Amino acid sequence: MKPTLNLASRTYLNRRAVNALYLILGIALVALLAWNGAAIFQSRSQGAQLRARLAELEQEMASRRGSDADFSPAAQQQLHERIAFANEIILQDSFSWTGLLDRLEEVLPAGVRISEIQPDYKDSSLRLVGLARNVGDMRNFLDRLMQSAEFSDVYLLSQGRVDFKEGASQQSVVGFSIVVKGAF
């Protein structure tokens, strides 16, 4: 047996392994530094863009604030009227005429003609003016309107005999006027 004794005053250090470790750690730290630098540069450029956009919005708000400062009650009333008018146009534009005509076609019996349809968008009512061959046909039309789930309240405004000329023949028919509440 051969005993090994180390009589050196200090411990042995493998300098090659330590230097390789320092080199790897140094490269990793430089890579992290480069990545952080790129992230800082990107965040600063985004911050500059946001500050520029914020300045534009503040300038726009300042210009709008200046124009709204002299808003009088008369101008405000005029604005409310314009808004109500625009809302009425939107309501009229969103109304489905084809849907209404389909529903009326379903309840319209033979022998009855509708000659005029006048919607009232504020009351959600519909005024119908038409002709029927006789009172029974008109009554059948009224009954079918009342039984329909689409139309809630049906009121007969007027009825009377009317001379109707179709082509060369002239007949006496029943003219009527109806108001349908809750038609749309």
Protein backbone atom coordinates (compact mmCIF):
# COMPACT_ATOMS: atom_id res chain seq x y z
CA MET A 1 0.00 0.00 0.00
CA LYS A 2 1.23 3.30 -1.01
CA PRO A 3 -0.02 6.16 1.08
CA THR A 4 -0.48 9.51 -0.72
CA LEU A 5 0.09 12.56 1.23
CA ASN A 6 -0.30 16.09 0.02
CA LEU A 7 2.11 18.29 1.82
CA ALA A 8 1.17 21.40 -0.18
CA SER A 9 0.23 24.42 1.82
CA ARG A 10 -2.92 25.15 -0.18
CA THR A 11 -5.59 23.02 -1.83
CA TYR A 12 -5.38 22.09 -5.45
CA LEU A 13 -7.77 23.97 -7.79
CA ASN A 14 -8.58 22.85 -11.33
CA ARG A 15 -8.19 26.20 -13.09
CA ARG A 16 -9.31 24.90 -16.48
CA ALA A 17 -12.74 23.85 -15.20
CA VAL A 18 -13.19 27.08 -13.24
CA ASN A 19 -12.24 29.20 -16.27
CA ALA A 20 -14.65 27.22 -18.49
CA LEU A 21 -17.44 27.83 -15.94
CA TYR A 22 -16.62 31.55 -15.81
CA LEU A 23 -16.68 31.71 -19.60
CA ILE A 24 -20.11 30.02 -19.81
CA LEU A 25 -21.54 32.27 -17.10
CA GLY A 26 -20.07 35.34 -18.80
CA ILE A 27 -21.63 34.43 -22.15
CA ALA A 28 -25.03 33.82 -20.45
CA LEU A 29 -24.83 37.19 -18.65
CA VAL A 30 -23.94 39.02 -21.89
CA ALA A 31 -26.90 37.35 -23.65
CA LEU A 32 -29.26 38.37 -20.82
CA LEU A 33 -27.87 41.90 -20.93
CA ALA A 34 -28.50 42.11 -24.68
CA TRP A 35 -32.03 40.75 -24.28
CA ASN A 36 -32.81 43.26 -21.48
CA GLY A 37 -31.37 46.08 -23.57
CA ALA A 38 -33.63 45.16 -26.50
CA ALA A 39 -36.66 45.00 -24.19
CA ILE A 40 -35.83 48.41 -22.70
CA PHE A 41 -35.41 49.92 -26.18
CA GLN A 42 -38.76 48.46 -27.31
CA SER A 43 -40.61 49.70 -24.21
CA ARG A 44 -39.14 53.19 -24.63
CA SER A 45 -40.23 53.36 -28.27
CA GLN A 46 -43.74 52.20 -27.31
CA GLY A 47 -43.81 54.76 -24.51
CA ALA A 48 -42.86 57.50 -26.98
CA GLN A 49 -45.66 56.39 -29.34
CA LEU A 50 -48.17 56.34 -26.49
CA ARG A 51 -47.11 59.79 -25.31
CA ALA A 52 -47.50 61.15 -28.85
CA ARG A 53 -50.98 59.60 -29.19
CA LEU A 54 -51.96 60.92 -25.75
CA ALA A 55 -50.84 64.42 -26.75
CA GLU A 56 -52.98 64.19 -29.91
CA LEU A 57 -56.02 63.08 -27.90
CA GLU A 58 -55.51 65.84 -25.32
CA GLN A 59 -55.26 68.40 -28.10
CA GLU A 60 -58.45 67.05 -29.69
CA MET A 61 -60.25 67.13 -26.34
CA ALA A 62 -59.10 70.70 -25.73
CA SER A 63 -60.44 71.80 -29.09
CA ARG A 64 -63.76 70.07 -28.43
CA ARG A 65 -63.99 71.51 -24.93
CA GLY A 66 -63.62 74.97 -26.37
CA SER A 67 -66.48 74.45 -28.83
CA ASP A 68 -68.81 72.96 -26.17
CA ALA A 69 -68.20 75.75 -23.64
CA ASP A 70 -70.73 78.10 -25.26
CA PHE A 71 -73.54 75.50 -25.44
CA SER A 72 -76.77 77.39 -24.76
CA PRO A 73 -80.14 75.86 -23.75
CA ALA A 74 -81.58 76.72 -27.17
CA ALA A 75 -78.73 74.90 -28.91
CA GLN A 76 -79.19 71.97 -26.54
CA GLN A 77 -82.93 71.83 -27.36
CA GLN A 78 -82.11 71.91 -31.06
CA LEU A 79 -79.65 69.05 -30.57
CA HIS A 80 -82.33 67.00 -28.76
CA GLU A 81 -84.74 67.61 -31.65
CA ARG A 82 -82.12 66.50 -34.18
CA ILE A 83 -81.43 63.36 -32.13
CA ALA A 84 -85.17 62.55 -31.92
CA PHE A 85 -85.50 63.06 -35.68
CA ALA A 86 -82.49 60.78 -36.34
CA ASN A 87 -83.91 58.12 -33.99
CA GLU A 88 -87.24 58.26 -35.82
CA ILE A 89 -85.49 57.78 -39.17
CA ILE A 90 -83.54 54.83 -37.75
CA LEU A 91 -86.79 53.30 -36.44
CA GLN A 92 -88.47 53.75 -39.82
CA ASP A 93 -85.47 52.31 -41.63
CA SER A 94 -85.29 49.26 -39.37
CA PHE A 95 -88.97 48.43 -39.93
CA SER A 96 -89.40 45.25 -41.98
CA TRP A 97 -92.01 45.95 -44.64
CA THR A 98 -91.71 42.50 -46.13
CA GLY A 99 -92.44 40.93 -42.74
CA LEU A 100 -95.52 43.12 -42.28
CA LEU A 101 -96.79 42.40 -45.78
CA ASP A 102 -96.27 38.66 -45.24
CA ARG A 103 -98.29 38.78 -42.00
CA LEU A 104 -101.07 40.77 -43.69
CA GLU A 105 -101.13 38.34 -46.62
CA GLU A 106 -101.67 35.45 -44.20
CA VAL A 107 -104.78 37.04 -42.68
CA LEU A 108 -106.21 38.61 -45.85
CA PRO A 109 -109.20 36.58 -47.11
CA ALA A 110 -110.39 36.37 -50.69
CA GLY A 111 -112.67 39.24 -51.64
CA VAL A 112 -110.76 41.86 -49.63
CA ARG A 113 -108.22 44.35 -51.00
CA ILE A 114 -105.99 46.66 -49.03
CA SER A 115 -105.48 49.89 -50.91
CA GLU A 116 -103.55 51.92 -48.35
CA ILE A 117 -101.15 51.15 -45.50
CA GLN A 118 -100.07 53.98 -43.22
CA PRO A 119 -97.69 53.12 -40.36
CA ASP A 120 -97.48 55.31 -37.26
CA TYR A 121 -94.06 54.59 -35.79
CA LYS A 122 -94.62 56.56 -32.59
CA ASP A 123 -97.74 54.59 -31.59
CA SER A 124 -96.61 51.32 -33.23
CA SER A 125 -99.92 51.29 -35.02
CA LEU A 126 -100.98 50.69 -38.58
CA ARG A 127 -103.87 52.25 -40.50
CA LEU A 128 -105.35 50.07 -43.24
CA VAL A 129 -107.75 51.34 -45.88
CA GLY A 130 -109.33 48.81 -48.18
CA LEU A 131 -112.25 47.41 -50.08
CA ALA A 132 -114.33 44.27 -49.53
CA ARG A 133 -116.91 42.64 -51.80
CA ASN A 134 -119.46 42.61 -49.00
CA VAL A 135 -119.82 43.11 -45.26
CA GLY A 136 -119.23 39.40 -44.60
CA ASP A 137 -115.81 39.52 -46.27
CA MET A 138 -114.89 42.62 -44.28
CA ARG A 139 -116.05 40.98 -41.03
CA ASN A 140 -114.03 37.86 -41.90
CA PHE A 141 -110.94 40.04 -42.40
CA LEU A 142 -111.52 41.77 -39.03
CA ASP A 143 -111.97 38.41 -37.29
CA ARG A 144 -108.78 37.02 -38.81
CA LEU A 145 -106.86 40.15 -37.77
CA MET A 146 -108.13 39.85 -34.20
CA GLN A 147 -107.31 36.13 -34.01
CA SER A 148 -103.79 36.66 -35.33
CA ALA A 149 -101.01 36.60 -32.74
CA GLU A 150 -99.05 39.32 -34.57
CA PHE A 151 -101.70 42.05 -34.25
CA SER A 152 -102.98 42.94 -30.78
CA ASP A 153 -105.77 45.55 -31.00
CA VAL A 154 -107.92 46.00 -34.12
CA TYR A 155 -110.38 48.90 -34.39
CA LEU A 156 -112.79 49.58 -37.26
CA LEU A 157 -112.78 53.33 -37.84
CA SER A 158 -115.24 53.60 -40.71
CA GLN A 159 -117.13 51.59 -43.28
CA GLY A 160 -119.47 52.46 -46.10
CA ARG A 161 -120.64 51.63 -49.59
CA VAL A 162 -118.30 52.76 -52.32
CA ASP A 163 -118.69 52.58 -56.09
CA PHE A 164 -115.68 50.76 -57.49
CA LYS A 165 -114.83 50.80 -61.17
CA GLU A 166 -112.64 47.98 -62.42
CA GLY A 167 -112.12 47.94 -66.16
CA ALA A 168 -115.46 48.47 -67.88
CA SER A 169 -117.62 47.24 -64.99
CA GLN A 170 -118.67 49.22 -61.96
CA GLN A 171 -119.69 47.58 -58.67
CA SER A 172 -120.80 48.66 -55.25
CA VAL A 173 -118.32 47.44 -52.61
CA VAL A 174 -117.69 48.07 -48.92
CA GLY A 175 -114.93 50.58 -48.18
CA PHE A 176 -113.37 50.42 -44.74
CA SER A 177 -110.69 51.96 -42.57
CA ILE A 178 -109.00 49.97 -39.76
CA VAL A 179 -106.43 50.85 -37.13
CA VAL A 180 -104.24 48.02 -35.84
CA LYS A 181 -102.43 48.85 -32.57
CA GLY A 182 -99.21 47.01 -31.76
CA ALA A 183 -98.62 46.00 -35.37
CA PHE A 184 -94.84 46.35 -35.01
